[in-house]
Amino acid sequence: MNESDIAALIRDGMVVMLKIGGPLLLVGLVVGMAIALVQAVTQMNEASLAFVPKLIAIGATLLFGGSFMFGTLSAYTRMLFDRMVQVGAS
C-alpha cells in the first residue's frame, strides 16, 4: 500500500463524511435560517421556537435519508475491510 492508495482512502472517507453529514447540516441550516427570519419579522425571540422545528426537520431527514446514509457507510466500511484483507494477504 503506497501513498496514493492512502490518499484515495482518505479522499473517499471525506466524500462519505459529506454524504452522511451534509444533508443533516444543510437541513439544519435552512430551517434555522427560516426560523431566524420569522423571529426577526415577528420579534418573537424564543429559544424553543428555534430548537423544536430544527429537531423535527433533522429527525425527518434521518427518517427518510437514513437508509441511504447507512448504505453509504456500510459500503465504505466493507471496502476498508476488503482493503485490509488485501494488505494482510500480500
PDB file of N, CA and C in Angstrom:
ATOM      1  N   MET A   1       0.852  -1.168   0.000  1.00  0.00           N
ATOM      2  CA  MET A   1       0.000   0.000   0.000  1.00  0.00           C
ATOM      3  C   MET A   1       0.901   1.235   0.000  1.00  0.00           C
ATOM      4  N   ASN A   2       0.756   2.076  -0.987  1.00  0.00           N
ATOM      5  CA  ASN A   2       1.607   3.256  -1.087  1.00  0.00           C
ATOM      6  C   ASN A   2       0.822   4.527  -0.743  1.00  0.00           C
ATOM      7  N   GLU A   3       1.484   5.662  -0.915  1.00  0.00           N
ATOM      8  CA  GLU A   3       0.872   6.931  -0.525  1.00  0.00           C
ATOM      9  C   GLU A   3      -0.369   7.269  -1.333  1.00  0.00           C
ATOM     10  N   SER A   4      -0.386   6.902  -2.605  1.00  0.00           N
ATOM     11  CA  SER A   4      -1.554   7.225  -3.426  1.00  0.00           C
ATOM     12  C   SER A   4      -2.782   6.421  -2.989  1.00  0.00           C
ATOM     13  N   ASP A   5      -2.570   5.175  -2.551  1.00  0.00           N
ATOM     14  CA  ASP A   5      -3.688   4.383  -2.034  1.00  0.00           C
ATOM     15  C   ASP A   5      -4.241   4.976  -0.741  1.00  0.00           C
ATOM     16  N   ILE A   6      -3.351   5.415   0.120  1.00  0.00           N
ATOM     17  CA  ILE A   6      -3.774   6.021   1.384  1.00  0.00           C
ATOM     18  C   ILE A   6      -4.494   7.341   1.122  1.00  0.00           C
ATOM     19  N   ALA A   7      -3.991   8.124   0.181  1.00  0.00           N
ATOM     20  CA  ALA A   7      -4.654   9.384  -0.162  1.00  0.00           C
ATOM     21  C   ALA A   7      -6.041   9.129  -0.744  1.00  0.00           C
ATOM     22  N   ALA A   8      -6.188   8.079  -1.538  1.00  0.00           N
ATOM     23  CA  ALA A   8      -7.501   7.746  -2.101  1.00  0.00           C
ATOM     24  C   ALA A   8      -8.468   7.311  -1.006  1.00  0.00           C
ATOM     25  N   LEU A   9      -7.980   6.552  -0.032  1.00  0.00           N
ATOM     26  CA  LEU A   9      -8.839   6.144   1.084  1.00  0.00           C
ATOM     27  C   LEU A   9      -9.283   7.345   1.919  1.00  0.00           C
ATOM     28  N   ILE A  10      -8.374   8.278   2.149  1.00  0.00           N
ATOM     29  CA  ILE A  10      -8.729   9.481   2.909  1.00  0.00           C
ATOM     30  C   ILE A  10      -9.734  10.316   2.126  1.00  0.00           C
ATOM     31  N   ARG A  11      -9.509  10.463   0.816  1.00  0.00           N
ATOM     32  CA  ARG A  11     -10.452  11.214  -0.014  1.00  0.00           C
ATOM     33  C   ARG A  11     -11.832  10.566  -0.012  1.00  0.00           C
ATOM     34  N   ASP A  12     -11.864   9.242  -0.142  1.00  0.00           N
ATOM     35  CA  ASP A  12     -13.146   8.535  -0.103  1.00  0.00           C
ATOM     36  C   ASP A  12     -13.824   8.696   1.254  1.00  0.00           C
ATOM     37  N   GLY A  13     -13.028   8.699   2.316  1.00  0.00           N
ATOM     38  CA  GLY A  13     -13.584   8.922   3.647  1.00  0.00           C
ATOM     39  C   GLY A  13     -14.209  10.297   3.790  1.00  0.00           C
ATOM     40  N   MET A  14     -13.572  11.298   3.212  1.00  0.00           N
ATOM     41  CA  MET A  14     -14.133  12.656   3.247  1.00  0.00           C
ATOM     42  C   MET A  14     -15.430  12.742   2.446  1.00  0.00           C
ATOM     43  N   VAL A  15     -15.473  12.063   1.315  1.00  0.00           N
ATOM     44  CA  VAL A  15     -16.695  12.054   0.500  1.00  0.00           C
ATOM     45  C   VAL A  15     -17.834  11.368   1.250  1.00  0.00           C
ATOM     46  N   VAL A  16     -17.522  10.267   1.922  1.00  0.00           N
ATOM     47  CA  VAL A  16     -18.542   9.568   2.714  1.00  0.00           C
ATOM     48  C   VAL A  16     -19.013  10.467   3.847  1.00  0.00           C
ATOM     49  N   MET A  17     -18.097  11.169   4.490  1.00  0.00           N
ATOM     50  CA  MET A  17     -18.468  12.082   5.568  1.00  0.00           C
ATOM     51  C   MET A  17     -19.412  13.170   5.064  1.00  0.00           C
ATOM     52  N   LEU A  18     -19.142  13.706   3.883  1.00  0.00           N
ATOM     53  CA  LEU A  18     -20.019  14.724   3.304  1.00  0.00           C
ATOM     54  C   LEU A  18     -21.380  14.154   2.919  1.00  0.00           C
ATOM     55  N   LYS A  19     -21.396  12.925   2.413  1.00  0.00           N
ATOM     56  CA  LYS A  19     -22.667  12.298   2.052  1.00  0.00           C
ATOM     57  C   LYS A  19     -23.533  12.033   3.271  1.00  0.00           C
ATOM     58  N   ILE A  20     -22.907  11.703   4.386  1.00  0.00           N
ATOM     59  CA  ILE A  20     -23.672  11.387   5.599  1.00  0.00           C
ATOM     60  C   ILE A  20     -24.045  12.657   6.369  1.00  0.00           C
ATOM     61  N   GLY A  21     -23.109  13.541   6.563  1.00  0.00           N
ATOM     62  CA  GLY A  21     -23.363  14.723   7.371  1.00  0.00           C
ATOM     63  C   GLY A  21     -23.918  15.908   6.618  1.00  0.00           C
ATOM     64  N   GLY A  22     -23.666  15.966   5.328  1.00  0.00           N
ATOM     65  CA  GLY A  22     -24.095  17.116   4.536  1.00  0.00           C
ATOM     66  C   GLY A  22     -25.594  17.374   4.542  1.00  0.00           C
ATOM     67  N   PRO A  23     -26.415  16.364   4.259  1.00  0.00           N
ATOM     68  CA  PRO A  23     -27.864  16.619   4.262  1.00  0.00           C
ATOM     69  C   PRO A  23     -28.389  17.085   5.614  1.00  0.00           C
ATOM     70  N   LEU A  24     -27.877  16.515   6.698  1.00  0.00           N
ATOM     71  CA  LEU A  24     -28.333  16.929   8.024  1.00  0.00           C
ATOM     72  C   LEU A  24     -27.952  18.374   8.316  1.00  0.00           C
ATOM     73  N   LEU A  25     -26.723  18.730   7.991  1.00  0.00           N
ATOM     74  CA  LEU A  25     -26.282  20.104   8.223  1.00  0.00           C
ATOM     75  C   LEU A  25     -27.027  21.096   7.334  1.00  0.00           C
ATOM     76  N   LEU A  26     -27.281  20.703   6.091  1.00  0.00           N
ATOM     77  CA  LEU A  26     -27.992  21.589   5.178  1.00  0.00           C
ATOM     78  C   LEU A  26     -29.429  21.815   5.624  1.00  0.00           C
ATOM     79  N   VAL A  27     -30.103  20.757   6.049  1.00  0.00           N
ATOM     80  CA  VAL A  27     -31.480  20.900   6.538  1.00  0.00           C
ATOM     81  C   VAL A  27     -31.504  21.761   7.798  1.00  0.00           C
ATOM     82  N   GLY A  28     -30.567  21.525   8.713  1.00  0.00           N
ATOM     83  CA  GLY A  28     -30.496  22.345   9.917  1.00  0.00           C
ATOM     84  C   GLY A  28     -30.247  23.812   9.603  1.00  0.00           C
ATOM     85  N   LEU A  29     -29.392  24.074   8.615  1.00  0.00           N
ATOM     86  CA  LEU A  29     -29.102  25.450   8.215  1.00  0.00           C
ATOM     87  C   LEU A  29     -30.316  26.127   7.614  1.00  0.00           C
ATOM     88  N   VAL A  30     -30.993  25.438   6.697  1.00  0.00           N
ATOM     89  CA  VAL A  30     -32.151  26.035   6.022  1.00  0.00           C
ATOM     90  C   VAL A  30     -33.280  26.299   7.012  1.00  0.00           C
ATOM     91  N   VAL A  31     -33.577  25.324   7.854  1.00  0.00           N
ATOM     92  CA  VAL A  31     -34.649  25.504   8.832  1.00  0.00           C
ATOM     93  C   VAL A  31     -34.266  26.583   9.844  1.00  0.00           C
ATOM     94  N   GLY A  32     -33.018  26.599  10.282  1.00  0.00           N
ATOM     95  CA  GLY A  32     -32.570  27.632  11.215  1.00  0.00           C
ATOM     96  C   GLY A  32     -32.672  29.029  10.630  1.00  0.00           C
ATOM     97  N   MET A  33     -32.305  29.170   9.375  1.00  0.00           N
ATOM     98  CA  MET A  33     -32.420  30.484   8.723  1.00  0.00           C
ATOM     99  C   MET A  33     -33.874  30.904   8.570  1.00  0.00           C
ATOM    100  N   ALA A  34     -34.740  29.955   8.220  1.00  0.00           N
ATOM    101  CA  ALA A  34     -36.163  30.278   8.079  1.00  0.00           C
ATOM    102  C   ALA A  34     -36.759  30.692   9.420  1.00  0.00           C
ATOM    103  N   ILE A  35     -36.423  29.979  10.471  1.00  0.00           N
ATOM    104  CA  ILE A  35     -36.937  30.327  11.799  1.00  0.00           C
ATOM    105  C   ILE A  35     -36.371  31.669  12.256  1.00  0.00           C
ATOM    106  N   ALA A  36     -35.104  31.921  11.984  1.00  0.00           N
ATOM    107  CA  ALA A  36     -34.499  33.198  12.351  1.00  0.00           C
ATOM    108  C   ALA A  36     -35.180  34.350  11.617  1.00  0.00           C
ATOM    109  N   LEU A  37     -35.524  34.118  10.359  1.00  0.00           N
ATOM    110  CA  LEU A  37     -36.228  35.152   9.597  1.00  0.00           C
ATOM    111  C   LEU A  37     -37.605  35.418  10.185  1.00  0.00           C
ATOM    112  N   VAL A  38     -38.319  34.358  10.523  1.00  0.00           N
ATOM    113  CA  VAL A  38     -39.640  34.523  11.133  1.00  0.00           C
ATOM    114  C   VAL A  38     -39.526  35.232  12.480  1.00  0.00           C
ATOM    115  N   GLN A  39     -38.527  34.873  13.269  1.00  0.00           N
ATOM    116  CA  GLN A  39     -38.333  35.529  14.556  1.00  0.00           C
ATOM    117  C   GLN A  39     -37.965  36.997  14.397  1.00  0.00           C
ATOM    118  N   ALA A  40     -37.194  37.309  13.382  1.00  0.00           N
ATOM    119  CA  ALA A  40     -36.813  38.706  13.156  1.00  0.00           C
ATOM    120  C   ALA A  40     -38.009  39.528  12.704  1.00  0.00           C
ATOM    121  N   VAL A  41     -38.855  38.941  11.871  1.00  0.00           N
ATOM    122  CA  VAL A  41     -40.022  39.677  11.371  1.00  0.00           C
ATOM    123  C   VAL A  41     -41.051  39.883  12.480  1.00  0.00           C
ATOM    124  N   THR A  42     -41.304  38.833  13.267  1.00  0.00           N
ATOM    125  CA  THR A  42     -42.335  38.918  14.301  1.00  0.00           C
ATOM    126  C   THR A  42     -41.796  39.402  15.647  1.00  0.00           C
ATOM    127  N   GLN A  43     -40.498  39.528  15.793  1.00  0.00           N
ATOM    128  CA  GLN A  43     -39.817  39.945  17.020  1.00  0.00           C
ATOM    129  C   GLN A  43     -40.156  39.043  18.201  1.00  0.00           C
ATOM    130  N   MET A  44     -40.323  37.745  17.915  1.00  0.00           N
ATOM    131  CA  MET A  44     -40.524  36.744  18.960  1.00  0.00           C
ATOM    132  C   MET A  44     -39.210  35.994  19.122  1.00  0.00           C
ATOM    133  N   ASN A  45     -38.491  36.267  20.182  1.00  0.00           N
ATOM    134  CA  ASN A  45     -37.205  35.614  20.414  1.00  0.00           C
ATOM    135  C   ASN A  45     -37.366  34.557  21.492  1.00  0.00           C
ATOM    136  N   GLU A  46     -37.803  33.392  21.092  1.00  0.00           N
ATOM    137  CA  GLU A  46     -37.991  32.261  21.991  1.00  0.00           C
ATOM    138  C   GLU A  46     -37.045  31.149  21.561  1.00  0.00           C
ATOM    139  N   ALA A  47     -36.261  30.626  22.500  1.00  0.00           N
ATOM    140  CA  ALA A  47     -35.253  29.616  22.162  1.00  0.00           C
ATOM    141  C   ALA A  47     -35.887  28.319  21.693  1.00  0.00           C
ATOM    142  N   SER A  48     -36.995  27.917  22.331  1.00  0.00           N
ATOM    143  CA  SER A  48     -37.629  26.655  21.934  1.00  0.00           C
ATOM    144  C   SER A  48     -38.265  26.761  20.557  1.00  0.00           C
ATOM    145  N   LEU A  49     -38.625  27.973  20.146  1.00  0.00           N
ATOM    146  CA  LEU A  49     -39.194  28.166  18.815  1.00  0.00           C
ATOM    147  C   LEU A  49     -38.163  27.866  17.733  1.00  0.00           C
ATOM    148  N   ALA A  50     -36.898  28.046  18.022  1.00  0.00           N
ATOM    149  CA  ALA A  50     -35.851  27.730  17.054  1.00  0.00           C
ATOM    150  C   ALA A  50     -35.416  26.274  17.156  1.00  0.00           C
ATOM    151  N   PHE A  51     -35.491  25.688  18.346  1.00  0.00           N
ATOM    152  CA  PHE A  51     -34.961  24.339  18.561  1.00  0.00           C
ATOM    153  C   PHE A  51     -35.899  23.255  18.049  1.00  0.00           C
ATOM    154  N   VAL A  52     -37.169  23.361  18.343  1.00  0.00           N
ATOM    155  CA  VAL A  52     -38.124  22.295  18.020  1.00  0.00           C
ATOM    156  C   VAL A  52     -38.266  22.071  16.513  1.00  0.00           C
ATOM    157  N   PRO A  53     -38.430  23.103  15.683  1.00  0.00           N
ATOM    158  CA  PRO A  53     -38.526  22.832  14.233  1.00  0.00           C
ATOM    159  C   PRO A  53     -37.256  22.216  13.647  1.00  0.00           C
ATOM    160  N   LYS A  54     -36.087  22.639  14.148  1.00  0.00           N
ATOM    161  CA  LYS A  54     -34.839  22.031  13.672  1.00  0.00           C
ATOM    162  C   LYS A  54     -34.765  20.565  14.069  1.00  0.00           C
ATOM    163  N   LEU A  55     -35.173  20.261  15.270  1.00  0.00           N
ATOM    164  CA  LEU A  55     -35.179  18.880  15.737  1.00  0.00           C
ATOM    165  C   LEU A  55     -36.109  18.018  14.889  1.00  0.00           C
ATOM    166  N   ILE A  56     -37.278  18.528  14.591  1.00  0.00           N
ATOM    167  CA  ILE A  56     -38.242  17.789  13.766  1.00  0.00           C
ATOM    168  C   ILE A  56     -37.714  17.617  12.344  1.00  0.00           C
ATOM    169  N   ALA A  57     -37.134  18.668  11.773  1.00  0.00           N
ATOM    170  CA  ALA A  57     -36.622  18.594  10.400  1.00  0.00           C
ATOM    171  C   ALA A  57     -35.447  17.626  10.289  1.00  0.00           C
ATOM    172  N   ILE A  58     -34.549  17.659  11.255  1.00  0.00           N
ATOM    173  CA  ILE A  58     -33.403  16.744  11.216  1.00  0.00           C
ATOM    174  C   ILE A  58     -33.863  15.314  11.455  1.00  0.00           C
ATOM    175  N   GLY A  59     -34.852  15.132  12.332  1.00  0.00           N
ATOM    176  CA  GLY A  59     -35.419  13.797  12.537  1.00  0.00           C
ATOM    177  C   GLY A  59     -36.069  13.259  11.276  1.00  0.00           C
ATOM    178  N   ALA A  60     -36.801  14.116  10.548  1.00  0.00           N
ATOM    179  CA  ALA A  60     -37.417  13.690   9.293  1.00  0.00           C
ATOM    180  C   ALA A  60     -36.360  13.366   8.246  1.00  0.00           C
ATOM    181  N   THR A  61     -35.289  14.137   8.229  1.00  0.00           N
ATOM    182  CA  THR A  61     -34.211  13.856   7.293  1.00  0.00           C
ATOM    183  C   THR A  61     -33.568  12.508   7.597  1.00  0.00           C
ATOM    184  N   LEU A  62     -33.369  12.220   8.869  1.00  0.00           N
ATOM    185  CA  LEU A  62     -32.829  10.909   9.245  1.00  0.00           C
ATOM    186  C   LEU A  62     -33.803   9.791   8.908  1.00  0.00           C
ATOM    187  N   LEU A  63     -35.085  10.049   9.078  1.00  0.00           N
ATOM    188  CA  LEU A  63     -36.096   9.042   8.777  1.00  0.00           C
ATOM    189  C   LEU A  63     -36.112   8.702   7.286  1.00  0.00           C
ATOM    190  N   PHE A  64     -36.077   9.729   6.451  1.00  0.00           N
ATOM    191  CA  PHE A  64     -36.160   9.496   5.008  1.00  0.00           C
ATOM    192  C   PHE A  64     -34.809   9.183   4.365  1.00  0.00           C
ATOM    193  N   GLY A  65     -33.726   9.715   4.902  1.00  0.00           N
ATOM    194  CA  GLY A  65     -32.418   9.501   4.294  1.00  0.00           C
ATOM    195  C   GLY A  65     -31.514   8.562   5.052  1.00  0.00           C
ATOM    196  N   GLY A  66     -32.011   8.004   6.140  1.00  0.00           N
ATOM    197  CA  GLY A  66     -31.184   7.138   6.976  1.00  0.00           C
ATOM    198  C   GLY A  66     -30.716   5.885   6.270  1.00  0.00           C
ATOM    199  N   SER A  67     -31.574   5.316   5.432  1.00  0.00           N
ATOM    200  CA  SER A  67     -31.164   4.096   4.725  1.00  0.00           C
ATOM    201  C   SER A  67     -30.050   4.390   3.722  1.00  0.00           C
ATOM    202  N   PHE A  68     -30.130   5.547   3.066  1.00  0.00           N
ATOM    203  CA  PHE A  68     -29.057   5.948   2.155  1.00  0.00           C
ATOM    204  C   PHE A  68     -27.754   6.168   2.921  1.00  0.00           C
ATOM    205  N   MET A  69     -27.852   6.831   4.064  1.00  0.00           N
ATOM    206  CA  MET A  69     -26.663   7.105   4.869  1.00  0.00           C
ATOM    207  C   MET A  69     -26.046   5.798   5.385  1.00  0.00           C
ATOM    208  N   PHE A  70     -26.900   4.894   5.856  1.00  0.00           N
ATOM    209  CA  PHE A  70     -26.393   3.615   6.346  1.00  0.00           C
ATOM    210  C   PHE A  70     -25.770   2.807   5.214  1.00  0.00           C
ATOM    211  N   GLY A  71     -26.390   2.811   4.047  1.00  0.00           N
ATOM    212  CA  GLY A  71     -25.832   2.091   2.906  1.00  0.00           C
ATOM    213  C   GLY A  71     -24.486   2.639   2.485  1.00  0.00           C
ATOM    214  N   THR A  72     -24.362   3.952   2.474  1.00  0.00           N
ATOM    215  CA  THR A  72     -23.097   4.585   2.116  1.00  0.00           C
ATOM    216  C   THR A  72     -22.005   4.222   3.120  1.00  0.00           C
ATOM    217  N   LEU A  73     -22.324   4.303   4.404  1.00  0.00           N
ATOM    218  CA  LEU A  73     -21.333   3.996   5.424  1.00  0.00           C
ATOM    219  C   LEU A  73     -20.956   2.518   5.430  1.00  0.00           C
ATOM    220  N   SER A  74     -21.934   1.631   5.244  1.00  0.00           N
ATOM    221  CA  SER A  74     -21.611   0.204   5.251  1.00  0.00           C
ATOM    222  C   SER A  74     -20.802  -0.193   4.014  1.00  0.00           C
ATOM    223  N   ALA A  75     -21.086   0.414   2.864  1.00  0.00           N
ATOM    224  CA  ALA A  75     -20.293   0.120   1.668  1.00  0.00           C
ATOM    225  C   ALA A  75     -18.844   0.586   1.851  1.00  0.00           C
ATOM    226  N   TYR A  76     -18.668   1.748   2.447  1.00  0.00           N
ATOM    227  CA  TYR A  76     -17.305   2.248   2.687  1.00  0.00           C
ATOM    228  C   TYR A  76     -16.576   1.359   3.692  1.00  0.00           C
ATOM    229  N   THR A  77     -17.286   0.925   4.725  1.00  0.00           N
ATOM    230  CA  THR A  77     -16.671   0.059   5.730  1.00  0.00           C
ATOM    231  C   THR A  77     -16.272  -1.280   5.130  1.00  0.00           C
ATOM    232  N   ARG A  78     -17.139  -1.846   4.297  1.00  0.00           N
ATOM    233  CA  ARG A  78     -16.799  -3.113   3.632  1.00  0.00           C
ATOM    234  C   ARG A  78     -15.579  -2.948   2.742  1.00  0.00           C
ATOM    235  N   MET A  79     -15.525  -1.825   2.019  1.00  0.00           N
ATOM    236  CA  MET A  79     -14.386  -1.568   1.152  1.00  0.00           C
ATOM    237  C   MET A  79     -13.101  -1.452   1.981  1.00  0.00           C
ATOM    238  N   LEU A  80     -13.178  -0.787   3.137  1.00  0.00           N
ATOM    239  CA  LEU A  80     -12.000  -0.670   4.006  1.00  0.00           C
ATOM    240  C   LEU A  80     -11.548  -2.038   4.512  1.00  0.00           C
ATOM    241  N   PHE A  81     -12.505  -2.866   4.948  1.00  0.00           N
ATOM    242  CA  PHE A  81     -12.138  -4.194   5.436  1.00  0.00           C
ATOM    243  C   PHE A  81     -11.566  -5.065   4.319  1.00  0.00           C
ATOM    244  N   ASP A  82     -12.117  -4.940   3.114  1.00  0.00           N
ATOM    245  CA  ASP A  82     -11.557  -5.682   1.979  1.00  0.00           C
ATOM    246  C   ASP A  82     -10.123  -5.249   1.698  1.00  0.00           C
ATOM    247  N   ARG A  83      -9.865  -3.956   1.797  1.00  0.00           N
ATOM    248  CA  ARG A  83      -8.502  -3.455   1.578  1.00  0.00           C
ATOM    249  C   ARG A  83      -7.552  -3.949   2.668  1.00  0.00           C
ATOM    250  N   MET A  84      -8.047  -4.039   3.921  1.00  0.00           N
ATOM    251  CA  MET A  84      -7.212  -4.563   5.000  1.00  0.00           C
ATOM    252  C   MET A  84      -6.849  -6.008   4.767  1.00  0.00           C
ATOM    253  N   VAL A  85      -7.802  -6.792   4.259  1.00  0.00           N
ATOM    254  CA  VAL A  85      -7.532  -8.188   3.966  1.00  0.00           C
ATOM    255  C   VAL A  85      -6.519  -8.301   2.836  1.00  0.00           C
ATOM    256  N   GLN A  86      -6.651  -7.453   1.804  1.00  0.00           N
ATOM    257  CA  GLN A  86      -5.707  -7.477   0.700  1.00  0.00           C
ATOM    258  C   GLN A  86      -4.299  -7.124   1.158  1.00  0.00           C
ATOM    259  N   VAL A  87      -4.186  -6.146   2.027  1.00  0.00           N
ATOM    260  CA  VAL A  87      -2.856  -5.749   2.520  1.00  0.00           C
ATOM    261  C   VAL A  87      -2.277  -6.848   3.394  1.00  0.00           C
ATOM    262  N   GLY A  88      -3.116  -7.494   4.212  1.00  0.00           N
ATOM    263  CA  GLY A  88      -2.632  -8.560   5.076  1.00  0.00           C
ATOM    264  C   GLY A  88      -2.240  -9.800   4.304  1.00  0.00           C
ATOM    265  N   ALA A  89      -2.890 -10.041   3.175  1.00  0.00           N
ATOM    266  CA  ALA A  89      -2.603 -11.249   2.392  1.00  0.00           C
ATOM    267  C   ALA A  89      -1.319 -11.100   1.580  1.00  0.00           C
ATOM    268  N   SER A  90      -0.911  -9.893   1.295  1.00  0.00           N
ATOM    269  CA  SER A  90       0.277  -9.721   0.452  1.00  0.00           C
ATOM    270  C   SER A  90       1.573  -9.715   1.209  1.00  0.00           C
TER     271      SER A  90
END
